[in-house]
């Protein structure tokens, strides 16, 4: 089954990793048809294990063991990636480079999402909505200046995640078909 993995902390903050090395390392760990899309940790692959959680754990363990990089891998099917674009209520309203889908390791409960919204109120113009194992965000004024950081969200939601803008997701989705 063709899937995508969205890796956090790849080629940012000193975690440099060549995409050819990443592909080679993943093939050595049992992944097949490995393809990377841009150099920011977007990996398309096939793997016989049907559990996204197990595949995520194998991928993150492989990257830690082979490259000494701690990462999180949000593993998603083509349907999940499509929902990340089409289900995002800000797609088509905000700029494609500012509208993001933040893929989460699990579904946060409603109280955690409400806590995130309440704690963020007054900190910036970002708009938020909850999806299935994801958070939809419109970074109205840009990601770089936002106070809505991954650490801020993780603390309130109680789970890790990694975001991609809808422009990148559309490109990845086209390659998954």
C-alpha atoms as a PDB file:
ATOM      1  CA  UNK A   1       0.000   0.000   0.000  1.00  0.00           C
ATOM      2  CA  UNK A   2       1.376   3.409  -1.029  1.00  0.00           C
ATOM      3  CA  UNK A   3       1.708   5.795   1.900  1.00  0.00           C
ATOM      4  CA  UNK A   4       3.352   9.064   2.812  1.00  0.00           C
ATOM      5  CA  UNK A   5       5.414   9.843   5.880  1.00  0.00           C
ATOM      6  CA  UNK A   6       5.793  13.419   7.009  1.00  0.00           C
ATOM      7  CA  UNK A   7       8.934  13.642   9.130  1.00  0.00           C
ATOM      8  CA  UNK A   8       9.461  16.367  11.703  1.00  0.00           C
ATOM      9  CA  UNK A   9      12.781  18.135  12.265  1.00  0.00           C
ATOM     10  CA  UNK A  10      14.463  17.056   9.031  1.00  0.00           C
ATOM     11  CA  UNK A  11      16.827  19.616   7.467  1.00  0.00           C
ATOM     12  CA  UNK A  12      15.950  22.211  10.097  1.00  0.00           C
ATOM     13  CA  UNK A  13      17.684  23.097  13.338  1.00  0.00           C
ATOM     14  CA  UNK A  14      20.919  21.344  12.424  1.00  0.00           C
ATOM     15  CA  UNK A  15      19.339  17.987  11.533  1.00  0.00           C
ATOM     16  CA  UNK A  16      20.823  17.758   8.046  1.00  0.00           C
ATOM     17  CA  UNK A  17      20.039  14.612   6.101  1.00  0.00           C
ATOM     18  CA  UNK A  18      20.500  14.012   2.387  1.00  0.00           C
ATOM     19  CA  UNK A  19      17.437  12.584   0.717  1.00  0.00           C
ATOM     20  CA  UNK A  20      19.473   9.938  -1.127  1.00  0.00           C
ATOM     21  CA  UNK A  21      20.856   8.755   2.226  1.00  0.00           C
ATOM     22  CA  UNK A  22      17.368   8.729   3.721  1.00  0.00           C
ATOM     23  CA  UNK A  23      15.982   6.674   0.818  1.00  0.00           C
ATOM     24  CA  UNK A  24      18.871   4.200   1.075  1.00  0.00           C
ATOM     25  CA  UNK A  25      18.438   3.832   4.830  1.00  0.00           C
ATOM     26  CA  UNK A  26      14.714   3.193   4.531  1.00  0.00           C
ATOM     27  CA  UNK A  27      15.165   0.622   1.762  1.00  0.00           C
ATOM     28  CA  UNK A  28      17.667  -1.147   4.024  1.00  0.00           C
ATOM     29  CA  UNK A  29      14.974  -1.293   6.729  1.00  0.00           C
ATOM     30  CA  UNK A  30      12.407  -2.988   4.480  1.00  0.00           C
ATOM     31  CA  UNK A  31      10.625  -0.062   2.854  1.00  0.00           C
ATOM     32  CA  UNK A  32      10.157  -0.258  -0.923  1.00  0.00           C
ATOM     33  CA  UNK A  33       9.474   2.170  -3.773  1.00  0.00           C
ATOM     34  CA  UNK A  34      10.902   4.924  -1.569  1.00  0.00           C
ATOM     35  CA  UNK A  35      10.663   8.409  -3.041  1.00  0.00           C
ATOM     36  CA  UNK A  36      11.297  11.752  -1.370  1.00  0.00           C
ATOM     37  CA  UNK A  37       9.469  14.941  -2.272  1.00  0.00           C
ATOM     38  CA  UNK A  38      11.570  18.074  -1.664  1.00  0.00           C
ATOM     39  CA  UNK A  39      14.264  17.949   0.991  1.00  0.00           C
ATOM     40  CA  UNK A  40      12.103  18.535   4.041  1.00  0.00           C
ATOM     41  CA  UNK A  41      11.181  15.029   5.138  1.00  0.00           C
ATOM     42  CA  UNK A  42       8.339  13.999   2.845  1.00  0.00           C
ATOM     43  CA  UNK A  43       8.672  10.314   1.992  1.00  0.00           C
ATOM     44  CA  UNK A  44       6.463   8.185  -0.252  1.00  0.00           C
ATOM     45  CA  UNK A  45       6.846   4.432   0.184  1.00  0.00           C
ATOM     46  CA  UNK A  46       5.327   0.977   0.256  1.00  0.00           C
ATOM     47  CA  UNK A  47       5.527  -1.327   3.268  1.00  0.00           C
ATOM     48  CA  UNK A  48       3.760  -4.626   3.942  1.00  0.00           C
ATOM     49  CA  UNK A  49       2.779  -3.738   7.529  1.00  0.00           C
ATOM     50  CA  UNK A  50      -0.738  -2.302   7.532  1.00  0.00           C
ATOM     51  CA  UNK A  51      -0.387  -0.479  10.874  1.00  0.00           C
ATOM     52  CA  UNK A  52       0.493   3.203  10.453  1.00  0.00           C
ATOM     53  CA  UNK A  53       1.708   3.251  14.061  1.00  0.00           C
ATOM     54  CA  UNK A  54       4.055   0.298  13.586  1.00  0.00           C
ATOM     55  CA  UNK A  55       5.410   1.735  10.326  1.00  0.00           C
ATOM     56  CA  UNK A  56       5.933   5.128  12.001  1.00  0.00           C
ATOM     57  CA  UNK A  57       7.836   3.486  14.862  1.00  0.00           C
ATOM     58  CA  UNK A  58      10.015   1.485  12.452  1.00  0.00           C
ATOM     59  CA  UNK A  59      10.789   4.570  10.381  1.00  0.00           C
ATOM     60  CA  UNK A  60      11.678   6.761  13.372  1.00  0.00           C
ATOM     61  CA  UNK A  61      13.813   4.001  14.910  1.00  0.00           C
ATOM     62  CA  UNK A  62      15.639   3.525  11.596  1.00  0.00           C
ATOM     63  CA  UNK A  63      16.356   7.258  11.278  1.00  0.00           C
ATOM     64  CA  UNK A  64      17.582   7.441  14.878  1.00  0.00           C
ATOM     65  CA  UNK A  65      19.798   4.371  14.511  1.00  0.00           C
ATOM     66  CA  UNK A  66      21.267   5.196  11.103  1.00  0.00           C
ATOM     67  CA  UNK A  67      21.442   9.004  11.237  1.00  0.00           C
ATOM     68  CA  UNK A  68      21.250   9.910  14.961  1.00  0.00           C
ATOM     69  CA  UNK A  69      18.218  12.149  14.318  1.00  0.00           C
ATOM     70  CA  UNK A  70      15.175  12.071  16.594  1.00  0.00           C
ATOM     71  CA  UNK A  71      12.088  12.609  14.502  1.00  0.00           C
ATOM     72  CA  UNK A  72       8.394  11.914  14.419  1.00  0.00           C
ATOM     73  CA  UNK A  73       6.849  10.279  11.339  1.00  0.00           C
ATOM     74  CA  UNK A  74       3.198  10.980  10.612  1.00  0.00           C
ATOM     75  CA  UNK A  75       2.300   8.089   8.297  1.00  0.00           C
ATOM     76  CA  UNK A  76      -0.767   8.628   6.111  1.00  0.00           C
ATOM     77  CA  UNK A  77      -2.599   6.939   3.236  1.00  0.00           C
ATOM     78  CA  UNK A  78      -3.510   8.706   0.009  1.00  0.00           C
ATOM     79  CA  UNK A  79      -7.024   9.193   1.410  1.00  0.00           C
ATOM     80  CA  UNK A  80      -5.595  10.832   4.544  1.00  0.00           C
ATOM     81  CA  UNK A  81      -3.434  13.199   2.484  1.00  0.00           C
ATOM     82  CA  UNK A  82      -6.400  14.065   0.263  1.00  0.00           C
ATOM     83  CA  UNK A  83      -8.463  14.821   3.385  1.00  0.00           C
ATOM     84  CA  UNK A  84      -5.598  17.014   4.622  1.00  0.00           C
ATOM     85  CA  UNK A  85      -6.165  19.258   1.603  1.00  0.00           C
ATOM     86  CA  UNK A  86      -9.876  18.892   0.833  1.00  0.00           C
ATOM     87  CA  UNK A  87     -10.998  18.685   4.460  1.00  0.00           C
ATOM     88  CA  UNK A  88      -9.054  21.756   5.505  1.00  0.00           C
ATOM     89  CA  UNK A  89     -11.694  24.489   5.946  1.00  0.00           C
ATOM     90  CA  UNK A  90      -9.113  27.183   5.140  1.00  0.00           C
ATOM     91  CA  UNK A  91      -8.106  25.729   1.748  1.00  0.00           C
ATOM     92  CA  UNK A  92      -9.138  28.194  -0.929  1.00  0.00           C
ATOM     93  CA  UNK A  93      -9.724  30.929   1.664  1.00  0.00           C
ATOM     94  CA  UNK A  94      -6.189  31.575   2.894  1.00  0.00           C
ATOM     95  CA  UNK A  95      -2.989  31.561   0.841  1.00  0.00           C
ATOM     96  CA  UNK A  96      -1.862  28.023  -0.095  1.00  0.00           C
ATOM     97  CA  UNK A  97       1.558  28.589   1.455  1.00  0.00           C
ATOM     98  CA  UNK A  98       0.011  29.760   4.758  1.00  0.00           C
ATOM     99  CA  UNK A  99      -2.752  27.169   5.115  1.00  0.00           C
ATOM    100  CA  UNK A 100      -1.358  24.053   6.803  1.00  0.00           C
ATOM    101  CA  UNK A 101      -2.439  20.622   7.887  1.00  0.00           C
ATOM    102  CA  UNK A 102      -0.644  19.647  11.085  1.00  0.00           C
ATOM    103  CA  UNK A 103      -0.631  15.829  11.102  1.00  0.00           C
ATOM    104  CA  UNK A 104      -0.851  14.454  14.654  1.00  0.00           C
ATOM    105  CA  UNK A 105       0.271  11.139  16.105  1.00  0.00           C
ATOM    106  CA  UNK A 106      -3.219  10.512  17.459  1.00  0.00           C
ATOM    107  CA  UNK A 107      -6.609  12.168  17.754  1.00  0.00           C
ATOM    108  CA  UNK A 108      -6.672  14.703  20.611  1.00  0.00           C
ATOM    109  CA  UNK A 109      -9.829  14.955  22.659  1.00  0.00           C
ATOM    110  CA  UNK A 110     -12.128  17.946  22.304  1.00  0.00           C
ATOM    111  CA  UNK A 111     -11.052  19.363  25.678  1.00  0.00           C
ATOM    112  CA  UNK A 112      -7.409  19.451  24.560  1.00  0.00           C
ATOM    113  CA  UNK A 113      -8.364  21.260  21.346  1.00  0.00           C
ATOM    114  CA  UNK A 114     -10.451  23.781  23.297  1.00  0.00           C
ATOM    115  CA  UNK A 115      -7.508  24.337  25.686  1.00  0.00           C
ATOM    116  CA  UNK A 116      -5.235  25.005  22.695  1.00  0.00           C
ATOM    117  CA  UNK A 117      -7.707  27.537  21.279  1.00  0.00           C
ATOM    118  CA  UNK A 118      -8.190  29.246  24.650  1.00  0.00           C
ATOM    119  CA  UNK A 119      -4.458  29.448  25.371  1.00  0.00           C
ATOM    120  CA  UNK A 120      -3.775  30.838  21.903  1.00  0.00           C
ATOM    121  CA  UNK A 121      -6.537  33.466  22.043  1.00  0.00           C
ATOM    122  CA  UNK A 122      -5.006  36.924  21.722  1.00  0.00           C
ATOM    123  CA  UNK A 123      -1.550  35.601  20.768  1.00  0.00           C
ATOM    124  CA  UNK A 124      -1.998  35.908  17.000  1.00  0.00           C
ATOM    125  CA  UNK A 125      -4.394  35.935  14.053  1.00  0.00           C
ATOM    126  CA  UNK A 126      -4.126  32.229  13.235  1.00  0.00           C
ATOM    127  CA  UNK A 127      -7.338  30.311  12.634  1.00  0.00           C
ATOM    128  CA  UNK A 128      -7.656  26.725  13.898  1.00  0.00           C
ATOM    129  CA  UNK A 129      -9.933  23.774  13.232  1.00  0.00           C
ATOM    130  CA  UNK A 130      -9.695  20.139  14.273  1.00  0.00           C
ATOM    131  CA  UNK A 131      -9.734  17.241  11.811  1.00  0.00           C
ATOM    132  CA  UNK A 132      -9.170  13.492  11.941  1.00  0.00           C
ATOM    133  CA  UNK A 133      -5.698  13.051  13.512  1.00  0.00           C
ATOM    134  CA  UNK A 134      -4.820  16.538  12.318  1.00  0.00           C
ATOM    135  CA  UNK A 135      -5.142  20.200  13.073  1.00  0.00           C
ATOM    136  CA  UNK A 136      -5.959  22.681  10.322  1.00  0.00           C
ATOM    137  CA  UNK A 137      -4.221  26.041  10.621  1.00  0.00           C
ATOM    138  CA  UNK A 138      -4.319  29.258   8.621  1.00  0.00           C
ATOM    139  CA  UNK A 139      -1.119  31.136   9.512  1.00  0.00           C
ATOM    140  CA  UNK A 140      -2.624  34.415   8.318  1.00  0.00           C
ATOM    141  CA  UNK A 141       0.558  36.498   8.787  1.00  0.00           C
ATOM    142  CA  UNK A 142       3.088  33.718   8.103  1.00  0.00           C
ATOM    143  CA  UNK A 143       4.577  30.799   9.971  1.00  0.00           C
ATOM    144  CA  UNK A 144       7.905  32.437  10.828  1.00  0.00           C
ATOM    145  CA  UNK A 145       6.430  35.086  13.097  1.00  0.00           C
ATOM    146  CA  UNK A 146       3.719  32.938  14.641  1.00  0.00           C
ATOM    147  CA  UNK A 147       3.562  32.164  18.345  1.00  0.00           C
ATOM    148  CA  UNK A 148       1.609  29.019  17.468  1.00  0.00           C
ATOM    149  CA  UNK A 149       4.656  26.750  17.529  1.00  0.00           C
ATOM    150  CA  UNK A 150       4.875  22.975  17.459  1.00  0.00           C
ATOM    151  CA  UNK A 151       5.929  22.935  21.131  1.00  0.00           C
ATOM    152  CA  UNK A 152       2.980  25.170  22.086  1.00  0.00           C
ATOM    153  CA  UNK A 153       0.544  22.855  20.299  1.00  0.00           C
ATOM    154  CA  UNK A 154       2.129  19.643  21.584  1.00  0.00           C
ATOM    155  CA  UNK A 155       1.909  20.804  25.207  1.00  0.00           C
ATOM    156  CA  UNK A 156      -1.815  21.557  24.906  1.00  0.00           C
ATOM    157  CA  UNK A 157      -2.859  18.660  22.671  1.00  0.00           C
ATOM    158  CA  UNK A 158      -0.704  16.077  24.416  1.00  0.00           C
ATOM    159  CA  UNK A 159       0.666  14.661  21.175  1.00  0.00           C
ATOM    160  CA  UNK A 160       3.323  15.363  18.569  1.00  0.00           C
ATOM    161  CA  UNK A 161       2.713  16.517  15.038  1.00  0.00           C
ATOM    162  CA  UNK A 162       4.279  17.928  11.917  1.00  0.00           C
ATOM    163  CA  UNK A 163       2.771  20.365   9.434  1.00  0.00           C
ATOM    164  CA  UNK A 164       2.765  20.835   5.666  1.00  0.00           C
ATOM    165  CA  UNK A 165       1.139  23.599   3.683  1.00  0.00           C
ATOM    166  CA  UNK A 166      -1.626  22.696   1.243  1.00  0.00           C
ATOM    167  CA  UNK A 167       0.546  23.597  -1.760  1.00  0.00           C
ATOM    168  CA  UNK A 168       3.084  20.936  -0.719  1.00  0.00           C
ATOM    169  CA  UNK A 169       0.339  18.452   0.117  1.00  0.00           C
ATOM    170  CA  UNK A 170      -1.203  18.877  -3.341  1.00  0.00           C
ATOM    171  CA  UNK A 171       2.192  18.132  -4.910  1.00  0.00           C
ATOM    172  CA  UNK A 172       2.638  15.054  -2.710  1.00  0.00           C
ATOM    173  CA  UNK A 173      -0.897  13.858  -3.437  1.00  0.00           C
ATOM    174  CA  UNK A 174      -0.280  14.102  -7.187  1.00  0.00           C
ATOM    175  CA  UNK A 175       2.787  11.848  -6.806  1.00  0.00           C
ATOM    176  CA  UNK A 176       0.858   9.290  -4.721  1.00  0.00           C
ATOM    177  CA  UNK A 177      -1.754   8.557  -7.408  1.00  0.00           C
END
